[in-house]
Amino acid sequence: MVLRGRGCVVTRFDDVICEAIATMHLLVVQYGGAQRLVQPHVYGDDAAGERLLSAYQVAGGSASGAATGWKSFRIEKVKSLTLSDRRFHAPRPEFQRNDGAFSRIICQIGG
């Protein structure tokens, strides 16, 4: 579900994703027919206005066949998303704040 109003888009996942980023909790994401366990790093909108989550996948399925690595999840394609009780303790070493793929950042690690 996407809600629009006053120039801002709110999805049903905004609060959960931003909480996970702020507290460094992993997320369980149902996406592309597979369940994935991810470390969320950046959440926001791309230049086309699509809502994205940039996360490092640590386990689960993948259409590309890569069970681990950096993934961009289009929120409109997420079937379900839940906060895990597992935590990660630092951003990935290759993480760069203020990712240029985002025209608007809603929340990100460290800010």
C-alpha atoms as a PDB file:
ATOM      1  CA  MET A   1       0.000   0.000   0.000  1.00  0.00           C
ATOM      2  CA  VAL A   2       1.247   3.450  -0.897  1.00  0.00           C
ATOM      3  CA  LEU A   3      -0.290   6.604   0.530  1.00  0.00           C
ATOM      4  CA  ARG A   4       0.259   9.945  -1.160  1.00  0.00           C
ATOM      5  CA  GLY A   5      -0.331  13.404   0.212  1.00  0.00           C
ATOM      6  CA  ARG A   6       1.231  16.856   0.443  1.00  0.00           C
ATOM      7  CA  GLY A   7       4.111  16.008  -1.892  1.00  0.00           C
ATOM      8  CA  CYS A   8       5.182  13.041   0.170  1.00  0.00           C
ATOM      9  CA  VAL A   9       4.697   9.320  -0.287  1.00  0.00           C
ATOM     10  CA  VAL A  10       4.309   7.036   2.719  1.00  0.00           C
ATOM     11  CA  THR A  11       4.411   3.260   2.410  1.00  0.00           C
ATOM     12  CA  ARG A  12       3.316   0.711   4.969  1.00  0.00           C
ATOM     13  CA  PHE A  13       6.979  -0.275   5.392  1.00  0.00           C
ATOM     14  CA  ASP A  14       8.485   3.161   6.170  1.00  0.00           C
ATOM     15  CA  ASP A  15       8.420   2.878   9.971  1.00  0.00           C
ATOM     16  CA  VAL A  16       9.707  -0.711  10.085  1.00  0.00           C
ATOM     17  CA  ILE A  17      12.570  -0.035   7.679  1.00  0.00           C
ATOM     18  CA  CYS A  18      13.670   3.171   9.425  1.00  0.00           C
ATOM     19  CA  GLU A  19      13.491   1.458  12.814  1.00  0.00           C
ATOM     20  CA  ALA A  20      15.647  -1.397  11.501  1.00  0.00           C
ATOM     21  CA  ILE A  21      18.196   1.069  10.117  1.00  0.00           C
ATOM     22  CA  ALA A  22      18.281   3.137  13.324  1.00  0.00           C
ATOM     23  CA  THR A  23      18.686   0.085  15.581  1.00  0.00           C
ATOM     24  CA  MET A  24      20.732  -2.010  13.104  1.00  0.00           C
ATOM     25  CA  HIS A  25      18.286  -4.903  13.085  1.00  0.00           C
ATOM     26  CA  LEU A  26      18.175  -7.265  10.136  1.00  0.00           C
ATOM     27  CA  LEU A  27      15.009  -7.429   8.061  1.00  0.00           C
ATOM     28  CA  VAL A  28      13.269 -10.494   6.674  1.00  0.00           C
ATOM     29  CA  VAL A  29      12.060  -9.525   3.199  1.00  0.00           C
ATOM     30  CA  GLN A  30       9.759 -11.530   0.920  1.00  0.00           C
ATOM     31  CA  TYR A  31      10.758 -10.367  -2.571  1.00  0.00           C
ATOM     32  CA  GLY A  32      10.850 -11.933  -6.015  1.00  0.00           C
ATOM     33  CA  GLY A  33       9.379 -15.189  -4.754  1.00  0.00           C
ATOM     34  CA  ALA A  34      12.124 -15.669  -2.156  1.00  0.00           C
ATOM     35  CA  GLN A  35      12.644 -14.905   1.509  1.00  0.00           C
ATOM     36  CA  ARG A  36      15.800 -12.905   2.190  1.00  0.00           C
ATOM     37  CA  LEU A  37      17.628 -11.788   5.322  1.00  0.00           C
ATOM     38  CA  VAL A  38      19.158  -8.332   4.839  1.00  0.00           C
ATOM     39  CA  GLN A  39      21.115  -5.612   6.611  1.00  0.00           C
ATOM     40  CA  PRO A  40      19.297  -2.388   5.640  1.00  0.00           C
ATOM     41  CA  HIS A  41      21.511   0.637   4.988  1.00  0.00           C
ATOM     42  CA  VAL A  42      19.617   3.288   2.959  1.00  0.00           C
ATOM     43  CA  TYR A  43      15.931   3.878   2.275  1.00  0.00           C
ATOM     44  CA  GLY A  44      14.473   6.520  -0.019  1.00  0.00           C
ATOM     45  CA  ASP A  45      13.389   7.477  -3.518  1.00  0.00           C
ATOM     46  CA  ASP A  46      15.297   7.190  -6.780  1.00  0.00           C
ATOM     47  CA  ALA A  47      15.235   9.835  -9.534  1.00  0.00           C
ATOM     48  CA  ALA A  48      12.026   8.347 -10.969  1.00  0.00           C
ATOM     49  CA  GLY A  49      10.305   8.629  -7.577  1.00  0.00           C
ATOM     50  CA  GLU A  50      10.364   4.883  -6.909  1.00  0.00           C
ATOM     51  CA  ARG A  51      10.844   3.886  -3.275  1.00  0.00           C
ATOM     52  CA  LEU A  52      13.992   1.756  -2.776  1.00  0.00           C
ATOM     53  CA  LEU A  53      15.774  -0.064   0.017  1.00  0.00           C
ATOM     54  CA  SER A  54      19.520  -0.569  -0.384  1.00  0.00           C
ATOM     55  CA  ALA A  55      20.598  -3.486   1.770  1.00  0.00           C
ATOM     56  CA  TYR A  56      23.264  -6.136   2.070  1.00  0.00           C
ATOM     57  CA  GLN A  57      21.709  -9.593   1.751  1.00  0.00           C
ATOM     58  CA  VAL A  58      23.274 -12.122   4.130  1.00  0.00           C
ATOM     59  CA  ALA A  59      21.044 -15.126   3.412  1.00  0.00           C
ATOM     60  CA  GLY A  60      18.105 -16.329   1.371  1.00  0.00           C
ATOM     61  CA  GLY A  61      17.057 -16.731  -2.224  1.00  0.00           C
ATOM     62  CA  SER A  62      17.759 -14.498  -5.174  1.00  0.00           C
ATOM     63  CA  ALA A  63      16.670 -14.326  -8.813  1.00  0.00           C
ATOM     64  CA  SER A  64      20.288 -13.558  -9.760  1.00  0.00           C
ATOM     65  CA  GLY A  65      21.541 -16.637  -7.916  1.00  0.00           C
ATOM     66  CA  ALA A  66      23.693 -14.529  -5.574  1.00  0.00           C
ATOM     67  CA  ALA A  67      22.545 -15.344  -2.035  1.00  0.00           C
ATOM     68  CA  THR A  68      24.727 -12.606  -0.538  1.00  0.00           C
ATOM     69  CA  GLY A  69      25.686  -9.122  -1.605  1.00  0.00           C
ATOM     70  CA  TRP A  70      24.311  -5.633  -2.159  1.00  0.00           C
ATOM     71  CA  LYS A  71      20.718  -5.518  -3.400  1.00  0.00           C
ATOM     72  CA  SER A  72      18.272  -2.760  -4.242  1.00  0.00           C
ATOM     73  CA  PHE A  73      14.691  -3.673  -3.390  1.00  0.00           C
ATOM     74  CA  ARG A  74      11.823  -1.828  -5.095  1.00  0.00           C
ATOM     75  CA  ILE A  75       9.302  -1.419  -2.282  1.00  0.00           C
ATOM     76  CA  GLU A  76       6.327  -1.825  -4.635  1.00  0.00           C
ATOM     77  CA  LYS A  77       7.543  -5.411  -5.255  1.00  0.00           C
ATOM     78  CA  VAL A  78       8.039  -6.335  -1.573  1.00  0.00           C
ATOM     79  CA  LYS A  79       5.391  -8.874  -0.502  1.00  0.00           C
ATOM     80  CA  SER A  80       6.205  -8.722   3.213  1.00  0.00           C
ATOM     81  CA  LEU A  81       8.830  -7.262   5.477  1.00  0.00           C
ATOM     82  CA  THR A  82       9.441  -7.926   9.176  1.00  0.00           C
ATOM     83  CA  LEU A  83      11.951  -6.797  11.758  1.00  0.00           C
ATOM     84  CA  SER A  84      14.270  -9.628  12.808  1.00  0.00           C
ATOM     85  CA  ASP A  85      15.477 -10.043  16.371  1.00  0.00           C
ATOM     86  CA  ARG A  86      19.017 -10.361  14.961  1.00  0.00           C
ATOM     87  CA  ARG A  87      21.261  -7.313  14.797  1.00  0.00           C
ATOM     88  CA  PHE A  88      24.344  -6.257  12.870  1.00  0.00           C
ATOM     89  CA  HIS A  89      26.907  -4.113  14.608  1.00  0.00           C
ATOM     90  CA  ALA A  90      28.370  -1.839  11.941  1.00  0.00           C
ATOM     91  CA  PRO A  91      27.703  -0.711   8.395  1.00  0.00           C
ATOM     92  CA  ARG A  92      29.336  -2.800   5.674  1.00  0.00           C
ATOM     93  CA  PRO A  93      32.903  -1.540   5.017  1.00  0.00           C
ATOM     94  CA  GLU A  94      32.024  -0.539   1.443  1.00  0.00           C
ATOM     95  CA  PHE A  95      28.920   1.434   2.515  1.00  0.00           C
ATOM     96  CA  GLN A  96      28.906   5.077   1.420  1.00  0.00           C
ATOM     97  CA  ARG A  97      26.486   7.537   2.988  1.00  0.00           C
ATOM     98  CA  ASN A  98      24.352   9.743   0.745  1.00  0.00           C
ATOM     99  CA  ASP A  99      24.238   7.177  -2.066  1.00  0.00           C
ATOM    100  CA  GLY A 100      23.873   8.910  -5.443  1.00  0.00           C
ATOM    101  CA  ALA A 101      21.253   6.358  -6.539  1.00  0.00           C
ATOM    102  CA  PHE A 102      18.800   8.177  -4.266  1.00  0.00           C
ATOM    103  CA  SER A 103      17.300  11.556  -5.074  1.00  0.00           C
ATOM    104  CA  ARG A 104      15.695  11.658  -1.608  1.00  0.00           C
ATOM    105  CA  ILE A 105      16.890   9.724   1.448  1.00  0.00           C
ATOM    106  CA  ILE A 106      14.311   8.989   4.119  1.00  0.00           C
ATOM    107  CA  CYS A 107      16.684   7.230   6.490  1.00  0.00           C
ATOM    108  CA  GLN A 108      20.173   5.762   6.385  1.00  0.00           C
ATOM    109  CA  ILE A 109      22.750   4.333   8.740  1.00  0.00           C
ATOM    110  CA  GLY A 110      24.429   7.067  10.704  1.00  0.00           C
ATOM    111  CA  GLY A 111      21.847   9.710  10.091  1.00  0.00           C
END
